[in-house]
Amino acid sequence: TQPILDLANHVLDHATEKYDKHLFTERADGELPAMVQAPDSLWQSRFVCQVVLAKREEGVPLNRMAVLFRSGWCSYDLETELTRRRIPFVKYGGLKLAEAAHVKDLVAHLRIAENPGDAVAWNRVLQLLEGLGPKSAQQLLEWIRRAEQPYALDVPGTSPRYVEGLQRLAALMRGLQSGEVSLPEQIDRLLAYYRPLFDRVYAEDADQREADLDGFAAVAERYRSRAALLEALALDPLDLTSEEQEGTDKDEPPLVLSTIHSAKGLEFDTVFLIEALDGVLPSQYSIKREEDLDEELRLLYVALTRAENELYVSYPIVQHRRGAGEYFTNPSRFLDGTPERLLEPWSLVEEVTPALPAGPKALGE
């Protein structure tokens, strides 16, 4: 529709390297694109889910809707909310949170803390230790099954190669299992323990995986308990693939989650562009050179023009960074200050239920 193209043209007009391209359509009518300001990422995820379900009720198939983002980690919070609401989805351009091997490692430790008898999780955790292979892991599992204490890893005859690793693991698990430690503190302890293993096991691409650790920690912040987090991640058993988790109704094509790069050339009835933050879009690594900023701006242009009928751009006002706590964000510099005639500002606020009058009628009698 023309309102979507007007916004896209406005964005491209701000490129340092000017372009003659100016999109137009015979479809002059249409909804104004919305700039949705959410209190935090969880609110943003709930908003997307609510609109997706409402559009589906109106007859728009799930696969005619897409959620776009700059980087794969941007959708982690949304993935847990979609899973919780049983909305099937497929993700292009980046792993699902549930698929990333290093995230599965973290979850396996939490599963053992929740259930010391989880043999599948133990097998994964033990084999992260340097020098400990499948055969040794099976021998240790037999010892763990028979041990009176759930995290007794001082096994007689253990190879000196991994005695120290087992001692650190046992200390971690006893700490995680303690009922006095909050979930954020459990995550901090787990990440401190896991980091040396992560650097060794994923040495070839640790830099690319690094953001996922922060993303996982941020997702964990949303949950009151370890059990609630594990249920939301829906990683049972640990080796399920994305195809096996894409919903109970196999006849319905799933909602599309995609990086902007992977969405080039595609179009959808309704598009949600999430995490439209400065430092994300544009990336913090592109702000020093004008040519890099121009490339990021063209990426935004691609995202906006994937929408045929409705377009929602959203960002959280507050985010959580591991080690720094909560901080206020800024919307993408490419969209901040856009005239309201092109981009309608929306603000998500909590619905307040009016107090019911006292008496039997308030109970529906």
Protein backbone atom coordinates (compact mmCIF):
# COMPACT_ATOMS: atom_id res chain seq x y z
CA THR A 1 0.00 0.00 0.00
CA GLN A 2 1.08 3.59 -0.53
CA PRO A 3 1.45 4.41 3.21
CA ILE A 4 4.03 1.62 3.52
CA LEU A 5 5.86 2.81 0.41
CA ASP A 6 5.78 6.43 1.62
CA LEU A 7 7.63 5.37 4.77
CA ALA A 8 10.13 3.28 2.78
CA ASN A 9 10.80 6.17 0.38
CA HIS A 10 11.27 8.56 3.31
CA VAL A 11 13.85 6.22 4.85
CA LEU A 12 15.80 5.84 1.62
CA ASP A 13 15.85 9.62 1.12
CA HIS A 14 18.14 9.86 4.14
CA ALA A 15 20.91 7.75 2.62
CA THR A 16 24.24 9.51 2.15
CA GLU A 17 24.51 7.98 -1.31
CA LYS A 18 21.31 9.17 -3.00
CA TYR A 19 19.08 6.90 -5.05
CA ASP A 20 16.62 7.78 -7.80
CA LYS A 21 14.35 4.89 -6.83
CA HIS A 22 10.90 6.02 -5.67
CA LEU A 23 8.29 3.33 -5.14
CA PHE A 24 4.62 3.89 -5.88
CA THR A 25 1.44 1.80 -6.15
CA GLU A 26 -2.10 2.07 -7.38
CA ARG A 27 -3.23 0.96 -3.92
CA ALA A 28 -3.46 4.43 -2.41
CA ASP A 29 -5.47 3.39 0.65
CA GLY A 30 -4.17 1.37 3.58
CA GLU A 31 -3.29 1.45 7.25
CA LEU A 32 -0.54 3.77 8.37
CA PRO A 33 2.56 1.86 9.55
CA ALA A 34 2.85 1.84 13.34
CA MET A 35 5.88 2.54 15.53
CA VAL A 36 5.13 0.47 18.63
CA GLN A 37 6.88 1.46 21.87
CA ALA A 38 6.88 -1.45 24.33
CA PRO A 39 7.90 -1.28 28.01
CA ASP A 40 10.29 -4.22 27.50
CA SER A 41 10.97 -7.19 25.23
CA LEU A 42 8.35 -9.37 26.90
CA TRP A 43 5.66 -6.77 26.18
CA GLN A 44 6.91 -6.58 22.60
CA SER A 45 6.60 -10.37 22.26
CA ARG A 46 3.11 -10.41 23.74
CA PHE A 47 2.03 -7.65 21.37
CA VAL A 48 3.26 -9.60 18.33
CA CYS A 49 1.49 -12.76 19.51
CA GLN A 50 -1.79 -10.95 20.14
CA VAL A 51 -1.81 -9.30 16.73
CA VAL A 52 -0.81 -12.55 15.00
CA LEU A 53 -3.69 -14.40 16.65
CA ALA A 54 -6.13 -11.58 15.84
CA LYS A 55 -5.07 -11.52 12.18
CA ARG A 56 -5.37 -15.30 12.01
CA GLU A 57 -8.95 -15.02 13.29
CA GLU A 58 -9.59 -12.50 10.50
CA GLY A 59 -8.52 -15.10 7.95
CA VAL A 60 -4.85 -14.23 7.36
CA PRO A 61 -2.84 -17.52 7.37
CA LEU A 62 0.12 -17.70 9.71
CA ASN A 63 2.56 -18.11 6.85
CA ARG A 64 1.34 -14.82 5.33
CA MET A 65 2.72 -13.04 8.39
CA ALA A 66 6.40 -12.50 9.15
CA VAL A 67 8.46 -11.24 12.06
CA LEU A 68 11.72 -9.70 10.85
CA PHE A 69 14.84 -8.74 12.81
CA ARG A 70 18.44 -7.67 12.29
CA SER A 71 20.15 -10.65 13.97
CA GLY A 72 19.08 -14.13 15.01
CA TRP A 73 19.29 -13.44 18.76
CA CYS A 74 16.68 -10.66 18.47
CA SER A 75 13.84 -13.21 18.34
CA TYR A 76 14.78 -15.35 21.35
CA ASP A 77 12.29 -13.75 23.72
CA LEU A 78 9.56 -13.97 21.09
CA GLU A 79 10.33 -17.65 20.44
CA THR A 80 9.65 -18.55 24.06
CA GLU A 81 6.35 -16.62 24.02
CA LEU A 82 5.26 -18.26 20.74
CA THR A 83 6.11 -21.67 22.19
CA ARG A 84 4.16 -20.91 25.36
CA ARG A 85 1.11 -19.94 23.30
CA ARG A 86 1.52 -22.95 20.98
CA ILE A 87 1.83 -20.76 17.89
CA PRO A 88 3.82 -22.76 15.29
CA PHE A 89 6.73 -20.92 13.68
CA VAL A 90 9.71 -21.50 11.46
CA LYS A 91 12.90 -19.45 11.60
CA TYR A 92 15.18 -18.49 8.73
CA GLY A 93 18.62 -16.94 9.09
CA GLY A 94 19.95 -17.96 12.49
CA LEU A 95 19.23 -20.80 14.85
CA LYS A 96 16.21 -21.01 17.07
CA LEU A 97 17.06 -20.56 20.71
CA ALA A 98 16.07 -24.20 21.18
CA GLU A 99 18.46 -25.37 18.44
CA ALA A 100 21.73 -23.67 19.40
CA ALA A 101 24.17 -26.26 20.74
CA HIS A 102 25.66 -23.89 23.33
CA VAL A 103 22.18 -23.01 24.61
CA LYS A 104 21.38 -26.73 24.87
CA ASP A 105 24.53 -27.03 26.99
CA LEU A 106 23.25 -24.40 29.43
CA VAL A 107 19.79 -25.91 29.54
CA ALA A 108 21.22 -29.37 30.26
CA HIS A 109 22.89 -28.03 33.42
CA LEU A 110 19.61 -26.45 34.54
CA ARG A 111 17.73 -29.68 33.86
CA ILE A 112 20.12 -31.61 36.11
CA ALA A 113 19.65 -29.02 38.85
CA GLU A 114 15.89 -29.50 38.49
CA ASN A 115 16.08 -33.30 38.17
CA PRO A 116 19.35 -35.03 39.20
CA GLY A 117 18.10 -38.23 37.54
CA ASP A 118 17.99 -36.74 34.01
CA ALA A 119 20.41 -39.13 32.25
CA VAL A 120 20.18 -37.38 28.85
CA ALA A 121 21.19 -34.05 30.35
CA TRP A 122 23.97 -35.64 32.40
CA ASN A 123 25.39 -37.30 29.28
CA ARG A 124 25.59 -33.94 27.48
CA VAL A 125 27.09 -32.10 30.46
CA LEU A 126 29.73 -34.72 31.23
CA GLN A 127 31.01 -34.85 27.67
CA LEU A 128 31.69 -31.10 27.74
CA LEU A 129 34.60 -31.81 30.09
CA GLU A 130 37.94 -32.02 28.36
CA GLY A 131 39.12 -35.60 27.85
CA LEU A 132 35.81 -37.18 28.84
CA GLY A 133 34.22 -39.23 26.05
CA PRO A 134 31.01 -41.27 25.64
CA LYS A 135 32.40 -44.42 27.30
CA SER A 136 33.61 -42.56 30.39
CA ALA A 137 30.34 -40.63 30.53
CA GLN A 138 28.36 -43.89 30.62
CA GLN A 139 30.53 -45.22 33.46
CA LEU A 140 30.00 -42.01 35.42
CA LEU A 141 26.25 -42.19 34.78
CA GLU A 142 26.16 -45.66 36.33
CA TRP A 143 27.93 -44.29 39.40
CA ILE A 144 25.55 -41.32 39.60
CA ARG A 145 22.52 -43.63 39.44
CA ARG A 146 23.76 -45.67 42.40
CA ALA A 147 25.11 -42.78 44.48
CA GLU A 148 23.23 -41.75 47.61
CA GLN A 149 24.01 -38.08 47.03
CA PRO A 150 22.65 -36.60 43.74
CA TYR A 151 25.83 -34.76 42.75
CA ALA A 152 28.49 -37.12 44.09
CA LEU A 153 31.10 -37.10 41.31
CA ASP A 154 34.14 -38.19 43.36
CA VAL A 155 34.23 -41.53 41.56
CA PRO A 156 37.06 -43.94 42.59
CA GLY A 157 39.57 -44.55 39.83
CA THR A 158 38.57 -41.46 37.85
CA SER A 159 41.16 -40.39 35.29
CA PRO A 160 43.31 -37.46 36.51
CA ARG A 161 42.53 -35.74 33.19
CA TYR A 162 39.08 -34.72 34.30
CA VAL A 163 39.03 -35.03 38.11
CA GLU A 164 39.27 -31.26 38.54
CA GLY A 165 36.52 -30.71 35.95
CA LEU A 166 34.22 -33.11 37.81
CA GLN A 167 34.91 -31.31 41.08
CA ARG A 168 33.99 -27.94 39.57
CA LEU A 169 30.85 -29.45 38.01
CA ALA A 170 29.77 -31.00 41.33
CA ALA A 171 30.27 -27.68 43.13
CA LEU A 172 28.24 -25.85 40.46
CA MET A 173 25.37 -28.32 40.59
CA ARG A 174 25.16 -28.21 44.39
CA GLY A 175 25.03 -24.41 44.14
CA LEU A 176 22.32 -24.42 41.47
CA GLN A 177 20.26 -26.97 43.35
CA SER A 178 20.18 -24.87 46.50
CA GLY A 179 16.75 -23.38 47.04
CA GLU A 180 18.28 -20.14 48.36
CA VAL A 181 19.72 -19.00 45.02
CA SER A 182 17.55 -16.89 42.70
CA LEU A 183 17.25 -17.78 39.03
CA PRO A 184 19.32 -14.76 37.82
CA GLU A 185 22.08 -15.75 40.27
CA GLN A 186 21.90 -19.35 39.04
CA ILE A 187 22.36 -18.13 35.47
CA ASP A 188 25.32 -15.96 36.48
CA ARG A 189 27.00 -18.89 38.23
CA LEU A 190 26.30 -21.20 35.34
CA LEU A 191 27.72 -18.78 32.77
CA ALA A 192 30.85 -18.21 34.86
CA TYR A 193 31.42 -21.97 35.04
CA TYR A 194 30.51 -22.60 31.41
CA ARG A 195 32.56 -19.86 29.77
CA PRO A 196 35.91 -21.76 29.71
CA LEU A 197 34.12 -24.82 28.28
CA PHE A 198 32.38 -22.62 25.70
CA ASP A 199 35.66 -21.01 24.60
CA ARG A 200 37.25 -24.43 24.11
CA VAL A 201 34.37 -26.37 22.53
CA TYR A 202 33.27 -23.58 20.18
CA ALA A 203 36.65 -21.94 19.59
CA GLU A 204 36.13 -21.67 15.83
CA ASP A 205 33.04 -19.45 16.01
CA ALA A 206 32.79 -18.36 19.64
CA ASP A 207 32.49 -14.69 18.64
CA GLN A 208 29.39 -15.41 16.55
CA ARG A 209 27.81 -17.41 19.37
CA GLU A 210 28.65 -14.91 22.11
CA ALA A 211 25.47 -12.86 21.72
CA ASP A 212 23.39 -16.01 22.30
CA LEU A 213 24.72 -16.29 25.86
CA ASP A 214 23.52 -12.77 26.64
CA GLY A 215 20.27 -13.53 24.84
CA PHE A 216 19.70 -16.63 26.96
CA ALA A 217 20.43 -14.71 30.16
CA ALA A 218 17.96 -12.00 29.11
CA VAL A 219 15.26 -14.59 28.41
CA ALA A 220 15.88 -16.22 31.79
CA GLU A 221 15.29 -12.87 33.51
CA ARG A 222 11.60 -13.13 32.55
CA TYR A 223 10.93 -16.21 34.64
CA ARG A 224 10.38 -16.59 38.36
CA SER A 225 11.70 -20.12 38.62
CA ARG A 226 14.01 -22.58 36.91
CA ALA A 227 11.11 -24.94 36.27
CA ALA A 228 9.11 -22.22 34.52
CA LEU A 229 12.07 -21.34 32.30
CA LEU A 230 12.65 -24.97 31.31
CA GLU A 231 8.99 -25.42 30.50
CA ALA A 232 8.99 -22.31 28.32
CA LEU A 233 12.04 -23.43 26.37
CA ALA A 234 10.27 -26.71 25.59
CA LEU A 235 13.48 -28.67 25.20
CA ASP A 236 12.25 -32.09 26.22
CA PRO A 237 14.05 -34.18 25.18
CA LEU A 238 17.18 -32.10 24.51
CA ASP A 239 17.76 -33.43 21.01
CA LEU A 240 14.44 -32.38 19.46
CA THR A 241 14.85 -30.47 16.21
CA SER A 242 12.96 -27.39 15.10
CA GLU A 243 10.84 -29.46 12.71
CA GLU A 244 9.62 -31.59 15.60
CA GLN A 245 8.59 -28.53 17.60
CA GLU A 246 6.67 -26.56 15.01
CA GLY A 247 3.23 -27.12 16.42
CA THR A 248 0.58 -29.76 16.86
CA ASP A 249 -1.36 -28.83 13.72
CA LYS A 250 0.88 -30.05 10.92
CA ASP A 251 -1.65 -28.95 8.28
CA GLU A 252 -1.19 -25.27 9.07
CA PRO A 253 1.92 -23.60 7.62
CA PRO A 254 3.77 -21.83 10.44
CA LEU A 255 4.41 -18.17 11.18
CA VAL A 256 7.65 -16.94 9.59
CA LEU A 257 10.49 -15.59 11.72
CA SER A 258 13.39 -14.33 9.65
CA THR A 259 16.45 -12.14 9.62
CA ILE A 260 16.05 -9.27 7.18
CA HIS A 261 18.79 -10.70 4.99
CA SER A 262 16.91 -13.99 4.61
CA ALA A 263 13.65 -12.19 3.74
CA LYS A 264 14.95 -10.45 0.63
CA GLY A 265 12.67 -11.04 -2.34
CA LEU A 266 9.75 -12.21 -0.18
CA GLU A 267 6.49 -10.45 0.65
CA PHE A 268 3.88 -10.96 3.36
CA ASP A 269 0.45 -9.61 4.17
CA THR A 270 1.58 -8.42 7.61
CA VAL A 271 5.12 -7.72 8.80
CA PHE A 272 6.47 -7.07 12.30
CA LEU A 273 9.95 -5.55 12.49
CA ILE A 274 11.07 -6.09 16.09
CA GLU A 275 14.01 -4.74 18.11
CA ALA A 276 14.23 -1.59 15.96
CA LEU A 277 16.89 -0.17 18.26
CA ASP A 278 19.91 2.00 17.74
CA GLY A 279 22.89 -0.34 18.03
CA VAL A 280 20.84 -3.17 16.54
CA LEU A 281 19.55 -1.51 13.37
CA PRO A 282 21.93 0.05 12.57
CA SER A 283 24.35 -2.39 14.12
CA GLN A 284 26.75 -0.89 16.65
CA TYR A 285 29.59 -2.09 14.41
CA SER A 286 28.46 0.04 11.47
CA ILE A 287 28.15 3.50 13.00
CA LYS A 288 31.73 4.67 12.31
CA ARG A 289 31.59 4.65 8.51
CA GLU A 290 28.98 6.33 6.32
CA GLU A 291 29.04 3.53 3.75
CA ASP A 292 28.30 0.98 6.48
CA LEU A 293 25.44 3.10 7.79
CA ASP A 294 24.04 3.34 4.28
CA GLU A 295 24.11 -0.45 4.01
CA GLU A 296 22.20 -0.72 7.29
CA LEU A 297 19.66 1.82 6.08
CA ARG A 298 19.11 -0.17 2.89
CA LEU A 299 18.56 -3.22 5.08
CA LEU A 300 15.80 -1.35 6.91
CA TYR A 301 14.34 -0.38 3.54
CA VAL A 302 14.23 -4.07 2.60
CA ALA A 303 12.43 -4.92 5.85
CA LEU A 304 9.79 -2.23 5.43
CA THR A 305 9.01 -3.21 1.85
CA ARG A 306 8.30 -6.86 2.71
CA ALA A 307 4.85 -5.77 3.98
CA GLU A 308 1.92 -5.70 1.55
CA ASN A 309 -0.91 -4.50 3.82
CA GLU A 310 0.13 -3.93 7.43
CA LEU A 311 3.46 -2.99 8.99
CA TYR A 312 4.37 -2.81 12.67
CA VAL A 313 7.80 -1.59 13.78
CA SER A 314 8.52 -2.11 17.47
CA TYR A 315 11.19 -1.63 20.09
CA PRO A 316 11.47 -2.11 23.88
CA ILE A 317 12.09 0.99 26.00
CA VAL A 318 14.06 -1.02 28.57
CA GLN A 319 16.41 -3.93 28.03
CA HIS A 320 18.55 -6.12 30.25
CA ARG A 321 22.26 -6.61 29.70
CA ARG A 322 24.13 -9.32 31.56
CA GLY A 323 26.41 -7.73 34.13
CA ALA A 324 24.87 -4.27 33.75
CA GLY A 325 21.22 -4.81 34.60
CA GLU A 326 18.39 -2.82 33.02
CA TYR A 327 19.04 0.20 30.84
CA PHE A 328 17.01 2.57 28.68
CA THR A 329 17.21 2.16 24.91
CA ASN A 330 16.92 4.47 21.92
CA PRO A 331 14.86 3.72 18.81
CA SER A 332 16.70 3.29 15.52
CA ARG A 333 18.18 6.58 14.35
CA PHE A 334 16.76 5.79 10.92
CA LEU A 335 13.20 6.05 12.27
CA ASP A 336 13.49 8.37 15.25
CA GLY A 337 11.77 11.66 14.42
CA THR A 338 9.83 10.28 11.45
CA PRO A 339 6.71 12.45 10.91
CA GLU A 340 3.52 10.98 12.34
CA ARG A 341 1.88 11.31 8.92
CA LEU A 342 4.23 8.51 7.84
CA LEU A 343 4.65 6.45 11.01
CA GLU A 344 1.94 6.40 13.64
CA PRO A 345 3.30 6.24 17.22
CA TRP A 346 1.78 3.54 19.43
CA SER A 347 2.53 2.98 23.10
CA LEU A 348 1.68 -0.26 24.89
CA VAL A 349 0.21 0.26 28.33
CA GLU A 350 -1.10 -2.20 30.87
CA GLU A 351 -4.85 -2.57 30.86
CA VAL A 352 -6.36 -1.61 34.19
CA THR A 353 -9.43 -3.63 35.19
CA PRO A 354 -11.93 -1.40 37.01
CA ALA A 355 -12.79 -2.45 40.53
CA LEU A 356 -16.04 -4.37 40.81
CA PRO A 357 -18.72 -3.11 43.19
CA ALA A 358 -19.13 -5.01 46.44
CA GLY A 359 -22.02 -7.42 46.90
CA PRO A 360 -23.45 -10.56 45.30
CA LYS A 361 -23.81 -8.95 41.86
CA ALA A 362 -20.03 -8.58 41.64
CA LEU A 363 -19.79 -12.37 41.77
CA GLY A 364 -22.28 -12.79 38.96
CA GLU A 365 -25.14 -13.98 41.13
